[in-house]
Every structure is written in C-alpha cells, then in structure tokens.
Amino acid sequence: MGKVTIKTESCKSCLYCIKFCPKKVLAVGEKVNSKGYQYIVAENLEDCIACQMCAQMCPEAAIEVYK
C-alpha cells in the first residue's frame, strides 16, 4: 500500500491523476482551495500500489507518492 500526499493549494482539478490511476485511488474532494478549485483527495488509499502514475501526470507537481 502506498501513501499519497496532495498539495491542495497547487491542485487545479485537471483530473489527469484520476484518469491515469490504474486502481482508482483518487477522487475529486468536496472542499475548495483558495484558488477556487475542488482539489483531489485519496479516497481508496488501501488500493494504492504506489505506481506513481498520478504524480507523473500532474502538471502542477501537486502529488507525492511513497511506498
């Protein structure tokens, strides 16, 4: 199981991380950051395989994945 850290203030809710996650770990959260974007949250963290695809696809470098 991996650990996913999301820098909520950097997230622009582009959804690339959600689209490319093979295990559907991430989802759009209900809260909004100071820029007005609903940021991404790790919803099914127990399914994370730490492949780091979400972090690689994030154009804002707002995601870090740890094993």
Protein backbone atom coordinates (compact mmCIF):
# COMPACT_ATOMS: atom_id res chain seq x y z
CA MET A 1 0.00 0.00 0.00
CA GLY A 2 1.27 3.45 -0.90
CA LYS A 3 0.87 6.81 0.75
CA VAL A 4 -0.36 9.72 -1.38
CA THR A 5 0.25 13.33 -0.36
CA ILE A 6 -1.60 16.06 -2.25
CA LYS A 7 -0.61 19.73 -2.08
CA THR A 8 -4.15 21.06 -2.06
CA GLU A 9 -3.19 24.65 -2.85
CA SER A 10 -1.35 23.57 -6.00
CA CYS A 11 -4.16 21.35 -7.34
CA LYS A 12 -6.14 22.82 -10.24
CA SER A 13 -8.51 19.85 -10.52
CA CYS A 14 -7.39 18.94 -14.05
CA LEU A 15 -8.33 15.30 -13.26
CA TYR A 16 -5.30 13.77 -15.03
CA CYS A 17 -4.35 11.94 -11.85
CA ILE A 18 -7.79 10.38 -11.57
CA LYS A 19 -7.88 9.43 -15.24
CA PHE A 20 -4.50 7.66 -15.20
CA CYS A 21 -4.68 5.94 -11.80
CA PRO A 22 -4.97 2.20 -12.54
CA LYS A 23 -6.56 1.45 -9.16
CA LYS A 24 -8.98 4.42 -8.95
CA VAL A 25 -7.48 5.62 -5.68
CA LEU A 26 -8.13 9.34 -6.21
CA ALA A 27 -11.36 11.34 -6.40
CA VAL A 28 -12.50 14.96 -6.54
CA GLY A 29 -12.97 16.21 -3.00
CA GLU A 30 -15.82 18.33 -1.72
CA LYS A 31 -13.64 21.14 -0.36
CA VAL A 32 -12.24 24.04 -2.39
CA ASN A 33 -8.75 25.55 -2.18
CA SER A 34 -8.04 29.31 -2.03
CA LYS A 35 -7.98 29.50 -5.84
CA GLY A 36 -11.49 28.10 -6.10
CA TYR A 37 -10.63 24.59 -7.30
CA GLN A 38 -12.12 21.44 -5.82
CA TYR A 39 -8.92 19.58 -5.04
CA ILE A 40 -8.21 15.89 -5.35
CA VAL A 41 -8.26 13.55 -2.36
CA ALA A 42 -7.03 9.99 -1.82
CA GLU A 43 -10.30 8.14 -1.34
CA ASN A 44 -9.32 4.47 -1.68
CA LEU A 45 -5.79 4.58 -0.30
CA GLU A 46 -5.85 0.90 0.65
CA ASP A 47 -5.91 0.08 -3.09
CA CYS A 48 -2.83 2.21 -3.90
CA ILE A 49 0.06 0.22 -5.42
CA ALA A 50 2.47 3.21 -5.32
CA CYS A 51 2.94 3.18 -9.10
CA GLN A 52 3.35 6.99 -9.03
CA MET A 53 1.37 7.44 -12.24
CA CYS A 54 -0.73 10.17 -10.61
CA ALA A 55 2.38 12.13 -9.60
CA GLN A 56 3.92 11.77 -13.05
CA MET A 57 0.78 13.02 -14.81
CA CYS A 58 0.18 16.03 -12.53
CA PRO A 59 1.16 19.21 -14.42
CA GLU A 60 1.37 21.14 -11.14
CA ALA A 61 3.58 18.59 -9.32
CA ALA A 62 0.97 18.60 -6.55
CA ILE A 63 1.16 14.86 -5.77
CA GLU A 64 3.80 12.80 -4.00
CA VAL A 65 3.60 9.03 -3.59
CA TYR A 66 5.52 6.97 -1.03
CA LYS A 67 5.77 3.21 -0.57
